[in-house]
Amino acid sequence: MKEAAEIKKIIDRFQNFVLVPSLDTTTDSLPAATALFYSLKEIGKNTKLLAAKNSAIFENPGNKEKEGWTEKNFLISIKDEGAALSQLFYEKTANGLNLYLKTKGKELKKENICFKKLVPEDILVFFGIKEQKQPELQATNNDRKVLIINIDNSLDNKRYGHLNIVKPDLPISEIVFDILFSIDKALIKERVADSLLQGMVSNSSHWQNQNLAKDILWKISFLAERGEQAKEFLPKKFKNRPLSLFSRLLNKLNINKDKNLGWAILDQKDFSETSSSPKDLRLSLEILSSNDSFLKNFLIIWQREKYPALVKGIFYSSDTNLFNILVKNIKGQRKGNGILFTFQGESPEKVKDFILSATLNAQFKV
């Protein structure tokens, strides 16, 4: 995400963050804001999550004076103008403090010394709010510099922020996921993962969008492995099931949009690094062949490392005509709309090319 670099600069530079989610319960603004709250809190930022009328839902604990959340800070600026500073030290007295400056060159003049009050700087982050109509925040931010980050997925958003991240195709929680993952995926810890997952699964209609569902399913797998209460938010098809292999499969999935056909080749490393076996592909098959899947046809191939080299795979299609064409060309065990096949003495790439040459040239429903 290109905006992630800008947000990283803001997070690195500023200390005070106020997060304001929309009160519209049809959006996932609150889970998205909660996730960012926990992320910022984890790295030591002064963070507030606000509801309506400027009431805090959560607030970062700690000594605000010590952490800089205060307006009692001042700056002394000294212009050089030929009076180069060579030494600086101070002495505490009964009544206050004496500051000693030694210079080289010209004499330091009184008018070259400036004393001013530091104005704290707040970052306001709005979630799912089309227009910035938050008069209750003005009292909070009197005499403070404010920078606004506007995160939304509405085409009607007025883009009122200094930084606008508006992605009409994505849940707001997924936008926040992309931001945090781009900055540092280590920011996505247990409570962050739970909040993001809760927001993303509430937008399950997005899963049926072929252009988006692959990424959404991978992100759901990623979050489910990290969350403390993640399983509570998952659809039934995900609960108490191994997700690591499914996540790896989605990373390797290629898609032909015109034919609504996806394919992936798995190797031994994919199984060993996820502590799984080909039997664990059952979950992937269930999800990809479900009624709300974004794919109507898919091919999964894997290779057994031991001699003799065997290439195994499964082809699934909801299109009867396409399925019958493939059955005529390969031998295998048929089950419903899927066929499990085995090739010996061929590479996975050659098997993939053979099957795709038959399917991609066929005329079938998309």
Protein backbone atom coordinates (compact mmCIF):
# COMPACT_ATOMS: atom_id res chain seq x y z
CA MET A 1 0.00 0.00 0.00
CA LYS A 2 1.55 3.29 -1.13
CA GLU A 3 -0.04 5.29 1.71
CA ALA A 4 1.63 3.06 4.32
CA ALA A 5 4.95 4.88 3.92
CA GLU A 6 3.27 8.21 4.70
CA ILE A 7 1.52 6.80 7.75
CA LYS A 8 4.77 5.26 8.98
CA LYS A 9 6.42 8.68 8.83
CA ILE A 10 3.52 10.14 10.84
CA ILE A 11 3.67 7.37 13.45
CA ASP A 12 7.43 7.76 13.80
CA ARG A 13 7.21 11.54 14.14
CA PHE A 14 4.14 12.14 16.32
CA GLN A 15 3.18 10.96 19.78
CA ASN A 16 -0.49 11.88 20.28
CA PHE A 17 -3.25 10.07 18.35
CA VAL A 18 -7.02 10.46 18.62
CA LEU A 19 -9.05 7.79 16.82
CA VAL A 20 -12.66 8.55 15.87
CA PRO A 21 -14.79 5.72 14.42
CA SER A 22 -18.12 6.27 12.76
CA LEU A 23 -21.16 5.43 14.88
CA ASP A 24 -22.79 3.78 11.85
CA THR A 25 -23.11 0.15 12.93
CA THR A 26 -23.43 -1.03 9.33
CA THR A 27 -19.72 -0.34 8.88
CA ASP A 28 -16.72 -1.99 10.55
CA SER A 29 -15.32 1.36 11.67
CA LEU A 30 -15.13 0.49 15.37
CA PRO A 31 -13.21 -2.82 14.95
CA ALA A 32 -10.81 -1.06 12.57
CA ALA A 33 -10.24 1.82 14.98
CA THR A 34 -9.82 -0.58 17.91
CA ALA A 35 -7.15 -2.50 16.01
CA LEU A 36 -5.15 0.65 15.29
CA PHE A 37 -5.59 1.74 18.91
CA TYR A 38 -3.97 -1.45 20.21
CA SER A 39 -1.16 -1.21 17.64
CA LEU A 40 -0.28 2.37 18.58
CA LYS A 41 -0.55 1.58 22.28
CA GLU A 42 1.85 -1.33 21.84
CA ILE A 43 4.58 0.96 20.51
CA GLY A 44 4.12 3.52 23.27
CA LYS A 45 1.99 6.19 21.60
CA ASN A 46 -0.46 8.36 23.55
CA THR A 47 -3.72 7.13 22.08
CA LYS A 48 -7.41 7.84 22.64
CA LEU A 49 -10.35 6.08 21.03
CA LEU A 50 -13.35 8.41 21.05
CA ALA A 51 -17.07 7.86 20.74
CA ALA A 52 -19.65 10.59 20.16
CA LYS A 53 -19.62 13.80 22.20
CA ASN A 54 -15.92 13.46 22.87
CA SER A 55 -16.25 10.62 25.42
CA ALA A 56 -13.25 8.31 25.61
CA ILE A 57 -13.86 4.59 25.16
CA PHE A 58 -10.26 3.68 25.88
CA GLU A 59 -7.33 5.81 26.92
CA ASN A 60 -3.66 4.98 27.11
CA PRO A 61 -2.58 4.72 30.76
CA GLY A 62 0.49 6.44 32.10
CA ASN A 63 1.81 9.79 33.28
CA LYS A 64 0.74 12.25 30.61
CA GLU A 65 3.11 14.94 31.87
CA LYS A 66 5.98 12.51 31.53
CA GLU A 67 4.90 11.22 28.15
CA GLY A 68 4.42 14.66 26.60
CA TRP A 69 0.60 14.79 26.49
CA THR A 70 0.66 18.28 27.93
CA GLU A 71 0.70 21.92 26.92
CA LYS A 72 3.31 22.88 29.54
CA ASN A 73 6.30 22.55 27.22
CA PHE A 74 8.48 25.42 26.00
CA LEU A 75 11.25 26.01 23.51
CA ILE A 76 14.26 28.31 23.74
CA SER A 77 15.69 29.12 20.31
CA ILE A 78 19.04 30.86 19.80
CA LYS A 79 20.05 32.37 16.47
CA ASP A 80 23.75 32.06 15.78
CA GLU A 81 24.45 35.14 13.62
CA GLY A 82 28.19 34.92 14.23
CA ALA A 83 27.98 34.16 17.96
CA ALA A 84 28.70 30.45 17.70
CA LEU A 85 27.88 28.48 20.85
CA SER A 86 30.88 26.68 22.31
CA GLN A 87 29.49 25.56 25.68
CA LEU A 88 26.13 25.24 27.39
CA PHE A 89 25.43 24.31 31.00
CA TYR A 90 22.91 25.10 33.71
CA GLU A 91 22.78 25.63 37.47
CA LYS A 92 19.80 24.95 39.71
CA THR A 93 19.07 27.62 42.29
CA ALA A 94 16.64 27.97 45.17
CA ASN A 95 14.38 30.06 42.98
CA GLY A 96 14.81 28.34 39.63
CA LEU A 97 17.49 27.75 37.03
CA ASN A 98 20.45 29.66 35.56
CA LEU A 99 21.40 28.83 31.99
CA TYR A 100 24.99 29.62 30.93
CA LEU A 101 25.99 30.07 27.31
CA LYS A 102 29.54 30.52 26.06
CA THR A 103 30.13 31.75 22.55
CA LYS A 104 32.91 32.17 20.04
CA GLY A 105 33.08 35.12 17.71
CA LYS A 106 30.47 37.86 18.05
CA GLU A 107 28.59 38.70 21.20
CA LEU A 108 25.22 37.00 21.72
CA LYS A 109 22.42 39.58 21.70
CA LYS A 110 19.17 39.48 23.64
CA GLU A 111 17.08 39.76 20.48
CA ASN A 112 18.68 36.54 19.16
CA ILE A 113 17.09 34.54 21.97
CA CYS A 114 13.49 33.44 21.50
CA PHE A 115 11.29 31.85 24.16
CA LYS A 116 7.97 30.28 23.14
CA LYS A 117 5.37 27.80 24.28
CA LEU A 118 5.34 24.49 22.39
CA VAL A 119 1.97 23.63 20.85
CA PRO A 120 1.29 19.90 21.11
CA GLU A 121 0.47 18.16 17.86
CA ASP A 122 -2.39 15.67 17.61
CA ILE A 123 -3.13 13.20 14.85
CA LEU A 124 -6.86 12.74 14.35
CA VAL A 125 -7.74 9.51 12.53
CA PHE A 126 -11.32 9.22 11.25
CA PHE A 127 -12.79 5.83 10.28
CA GLY A 128 -15.80 5.57 7.97
CA ILE A 129 -16.76 9.23 8.36
CA LYS A 130 -17.69 10.81 5.03
CA GLU A 131 -17.48 14.42 6.21
CA GLN A 132 -15.56 15.96 9.08
CA LYS A 133 -18.48 17.11 11.24
CA GLN A 134 -17.09 16.66 14.72
CA PRO A 135 -17.63 20.00 16.53
CA GLU A 136 -17.19 18.26 19.89
CA LEU A 137 -13.54 17.70 19.02
CA GLN A 138 -12.78 21.39 18.66
CA ALA A 139 -12.74 21.96 22.41
CA THR A 140 -10.28 19.13 22.80
CA ASN A 141 -7.95 20.59 20.24
CA ASN A 142 -7.93 24.31 21.01
CA ASP A 143 -4.41 25.69 20.74
CA ARG A 144 -3.17 22.40 19.31
CA LYS A 145 -1.86 21.56 15.88
CA VAL A 146 -4.01 18.88 14.27
CA LEU A 147 -3.27 16.60 11.34
CA ILE A 148 -6.19 14.56 10.00
CA ILE A 149 -5.99 11.06 8.52
CA ASN A 150 -9.22 10.04 6.79
CA ILE A 151 -9.77 6.28 6.32
CA ASP A 152 -12.96 5.20 4.55
CA ASN A 153 -14.44 2.93 1.88
CA SER A 154 -17.26 5.19 0.69
CA LEU A 155 -17.35 6.75 -2.76
CA ASP A 156 -19.15 9.71 -1.14
CA ASN A 157 -16.22 10.54 1.12
CA LYS A 158 -15.34 14.26 0.90
CA ARG A 159 -11.57 13.62 1.25
CA TYR A 160 -11.24 16.25 3.94
CA GLY A 161 -8.06 14.89 5.52
CA HIS A 162 -4.45 15.90 5.16
CA LEU A 163 -3.98 12.23 4.22
CA ASN A 164 -6.94 10.43 2.62
CA ILE A 165 -7.02 6.65 2.34
CA VAL A 166 -10.30 5.83 0.60
CA LYS A 167 -10.66 2.32 -0.85
CA PRO A 168 -14.27 1.77 -2.03
CA ASP A 169 -13.81 -1.96 -2.65
CA LEU A 170 -12.47 -2.90 0.79
CA PRO A 171 -13.81 -3.22 4.34
CA ILE A 172 -12.28 -0.54 6.56
CA SER A 173 -10.72 -3.26 8.71
CA GLU A 174 -8.94 -4.62 5.66
CA ILE A 175 -7.58 -1.15 4.86
CA VAL A 176 -6.13 -0.97 8.38
CA PHE A 177 -4.75 -4.51 7.96
CA ASP A 178 -2.97 -3.45 4.77
CA ILE A 179 -1.53 -0.38 6.50
CA LEU A 180 -0.19 -2.31 9.50
CA PHE A 181 1.07 -5.24 7.43
CA SER A 182 2.90 -2.87 5.06
CA ILE A 183 4.54 -1.02 7.97
CA ASP A 184 5.44 -4.10 10.02
CA LYS A 185 3.38 -7.28 10.30
CA ALA A 186 4.71 -7.67 13.87
CA LEU A 187 2.27 -4.88 14.80
CA ILE A 188 -0.58 -7.34 14.23
CA LYS A 189 -0.63 -9.04 17.62
CA GLU A 190 -3.43 -10.89 19.41
CA ARG A 191 -5.92 -8.12 20.19
CA VAL A 192 -5.18 -6.36 16.90
CA ALA A 193 -5.81 -9.57 14.97
CA ASP A 194 -9.07 -10.22 16.83
CA SER A 195 -10.37 -6.71 16.08
CA LEU A 196 -9.41 -6.82 12.41
CA LEU A 197 -10.85 -10.29 11.94
CA GLN A 198 -14.13 -9.29 13.55
CA GLY A 199 -14.41 -6.38 11.14
CA MET A 200 -13.42 -8.32 8.04
CA VAL A 201 -15.76 -11.28 8.50
CA SER A 202 -18.67 -8.87 9.00
CA ASN A 203 -18.12 -7.93 5.34
CA SER A 204 -18.33 -11.49 4.01
CA SER A 205 -20.15 -10.34 0.87
CA HIS A 206 -16.76 -9.20 -0.38
CA TRP A 207 -15.61 -12.82 -0.50
CA GLN A 208 -17.70 -13.45 -3.59
CA ASN A 209 -15.89 -10.71 -5.51
CA GLN A 210 -13.36 -12.57 -7.68
CA ASN A 211 -10.98 -9.61 -7.70
CA LEU A 212 -10.84 -9.40 -3.90
CA ALA A 213 -11.66 -12.73 -2.31
CA LYS A 214 -8.25 -14.37 -2.69
CA ASP A 215 -6.60 -11.61 -0.66
CA ILE A 216 -9.40 -11.48 1.91
CA LEU A 217 -9.26 -15.24 2.54
CA TRP A 218 -5.48 -15.13 2.93
CA LYS A 219 -5.74 -12.26 5.40
CA ILE A 220 -8.43 -14.07 7.38
CA SER A 221 -6.10 -17.08 7.62
CA PHE A 222 -3.24 -14.83 8.75
CA LEU A 223 -5.35 -13.17 11.45
CA ALA A 224 -6.92 -16.40 12.69
CA GLU A 225 -3.49 -17.83 13.44
CA ARG A 226 -2.58 -14.80 15.58
CA GLY A 227 -5.76 -13.86 17.40
CA GLU A 228 -6.64 -14.89 20.94
CA GLN A 229 -10.38 -15.14 20.29
CA ALA A 230 -10.21 -15.30 16.51
CA LYS A 231 -12.16 -18.54 16.18
CA GLU A 232 -15.25 -16.84 17.63
CA PHE A 233 -15.43 -14.49 14.65
CA LEU A 234 -14.79 -17.05 11.92
CA PRO A 235 -17.49 -18.53 9.68
CA LYS A 236 -18.25 -22.17 10.48
CA LYS A 237 -16.11 -23.40 7.59
CA PHE A 238 -12.98 -22.04 9.29
CA LYS A 239 -13.56 -23.03 12.91
CA ASN A 240 -11.23 -25.56 14.54
CA ARG A 241 -9.51 -26.25 11.24
CA PRO A 242 -5.85 -25.95 10.16
CA LEU A 243 -5.46 -22.66 8.31
CA SER A 244 -1.71 -22.51 7.65
CA LEU A 245 -1.81 -24.70 4.55
CA PHE A 246 -4.83 -22.85 3.19
CA SER A 247 -2.97 -19.58 3.64
CA ARG A 248 0.02 -20.99 1.75
CA LEU A 249 -2.25 -22.25 -1.04
CA LEU A 250 -3.85 -18.82 -1.46
CA ASN A 251 -0.41 -17.24 -1.75
CA LYS A 252 0.38 -19.53 -4.66
CA LEU A 253 -3.00 -19.35 -6.35
CA ASN A 254 -3.04 -18.09 -9.96
CA ILE A 255 -6.30 -16.96 -11.52
CA ASN A 256 -7.57 -16.72 -15.07
CA LYS A 257 -10.41 -14.22 -14.65
CA ASP A 258 -11.93 -14.81 -18.08
CA LYS A 259 -12.41 -18.52 -17.39
CA ASN A 260 -12.95 -18.15 -13.63
CA LEU A 261 -10.24 -20.75 -13.18
CA GLY A 262 -7.58 -20.91 -10.46
CA TRP A 263 -4.56 -23.17 -10.06
CA ALA A 264 -1.71 -23.72 -7.63
CA ILE A 265 1.27 -26.08 -7.31
CA LEU A 266 2.37 -27.10 -3.82
CA ASP A 267 5.68 -28.73 -2.91
CA GLN A 268 7.04 -30.59 0.10
CA LYS A 269 8.21 -27.36 1.73
CA ASP A 270 4.63 -26.07 1.77
CA PHE A 271 3.56 -29.10 3.79
CA SER A 272 6.58 -29.31 6.09
CA GLU A 273 6.65 -25.59 6.94
CA THR A 274 2.94 -25.64 7.83
CA SER A 275 3.17 -28.96 9.72
CA SER A 276 0.52 -30.43 7.43
CA SER A 277 -0.04 -33.15 4.85
CA PRO A 278 -2.09 -33.47 1.65
CA LYS A 279 -4.97 -34.71 3.83
CA ASP A 280 -5.19 -31.20 5.29
CA LEU A 281 -6.14 -29.87 1.84
CA ARG A 282 -9.68 -30.91 2.67
CA LEU A 283 -10.37 -27.53 4.27
CA SER A 284 -9.08 -25.70 1.17
CA LEU A 285 -11.27 -27.84 -1.06
CA GLU A 286 -14.34 -27.20 1.10
CA ILE A 287 -13.85 -23.44 1.04
CA LEU A 288 -13.01 -23.14 -2.65
CA SER A 289 -15.90 -25.38 -3.71
CA SER A 290 -18.50 -23.75 -1.42
CA ASN A 291 -21.46 -21.84 -2.85
CA ASP A 292 -20.01 -18.47 -1.85
CA SER A 293 -16.59 -19.16 -3.34
CA PHE A 294 -15.14 -16.65 -5.76
CA LEU A 295 -13.90 -19.50 -8.01
CA LYS A 296 -16.06 -21.89 -10.01
CA ASN A 297 -13.15 -24.00 -11.32
CA PHE A 298 -9.79 -24.77 -9.70
CA LEU A 299 -6.79 -27.07 -9.97
CA ILE A 300 -4.46 -28.02 -7.09
CA ILE A 301 -1.30 -30.06 -7.77
CA TRP A 302 1.28 -31.43 -5.32
CA GLN A 303 4.26 -33.75 -5.64
CA ARG A 304 5.39 -36.60 -3.44
CA GLU A 305 9.13 -36.35 -2.96
CA LYS A 306 9.89 -40.07 -2.55
CA TYR A 307 10.82 -42.24 -5.51
CA PRO A 308 9.08 -42.97 -7.79
CA ALA A 309 8.08 -39.33 -8.17
CA LEU A 310 4.32 -39.03 -8.18
CA VAL A 311 2.38 -35.92 -9.04
CA LYS A 312 -1.07 -35.81 -7.53
CA GLY A 313 -3.82 -33.31 -7.86
CA ILE A 314 -7.48 -32.51 -7.86
CA PHE A 315 -9.57 -30.62 -10.37
CA TYR A 316 -12.93 -29.18 -9.39
CA SER A 317 -15.52 -27.55 -11.61
CA SER A 318 -19.13 -26.56 -11.11
CA ASP A 319 -19.50 -26.67 -14.91
CA THR A 320 -20.66 -30.14 -16.00
CA ASN A 321 -19.51 -29.72 -19.60
CA LEU A 322 -16.00 -28.70 -18.60
CA PHE A 323 -15.79 -31.48 -16.05
CA ASN A 324 -16.81 -34.11 -18.63
CA ILE A 325 -14.14 -32.83 -21.04
CA LEU A 326 -11.46 -33.30 -18.40
CA VAL A 327 -12.70 -36.76 -17.38
CA LYS A 328 -12.23 -37.93 -20.97
CA ASN A 329 -8.59 -36.78 -20.93
CA ILE A 330 -7.37 -38.02 -17.55
CA LYS A 331 -7.99 -41.03 -15.33
CA GLY A 332 -8.80 -40.53 -11.72
CA GLN A 333 -11.17 -41.00 -8.84
CA ARG A 334 -14.28 -38.95 -9.32
CA LYS A 335 -16.18 -37.54 -6.34
CA GLY A 336 -19.00 -35.10 -6.97
CA ASN A 337 -17.69 -32.25 -9.11
CA GLY A 338 -14.06 -33.12 -8.36
CA ILE A 339 -11.59 -35.64 -9.73
CA LEU A 340 -8.46 -36.83 -7.90
CA PHE A 341 -5.70 -37.87 -10.32
CA THR A 342 -2.13 -39.22 -10.26
CA PHE A 343 0.67 -38.84 -12.82
CA GLN A 344 3.95 -40.73 -12.64
CA GLY A 345 7.23 -39.63 -14.19
CA GLU A 346 6.02 -36.12 -15.05
CA SER A 347 6.88 -32.76 -13.51
CA PRO A 348 4.15 -30.75 -11.74
CA GLU A 349 4.52 -28.00 -14.37
CA LYS A 350 3.93 -30.44 -17.23
CA VAL A 351 0.87 -31.87 -15.52
CA LYS A 352 -0.46 -28.37 -14.93
CA ASP A 353 0.14 -27.38 -18.57
CA PHE A 354 -1.58 -30.55 -19.83
CA ILE A 355 -4.72 -29.98 -17.76
CA LEU A 356 -4.91 -26.25 -18.42
CA SER A 357 -4.51 -26.75 -22.16
CA ALA A 358 -7.69 -28.83 -22.10
CA THR A 359 -9.66 -26.56 -19.78
CA LEU A 360 -8.65 -23.16 -21.08
CA ASN A 361 -9.50 -24.12 -24.64
CA ALA A 362 -12.91 -25.43 -23.66
CA GLN A 363 -16.07 -23.39 -23.85
CA PHE A 364 -17.74 -23.23 -20.46
CA LYS A 365 -19.67 -20.99 -18.14
CA VAL A 366 -17.86 -18.31 -16.14
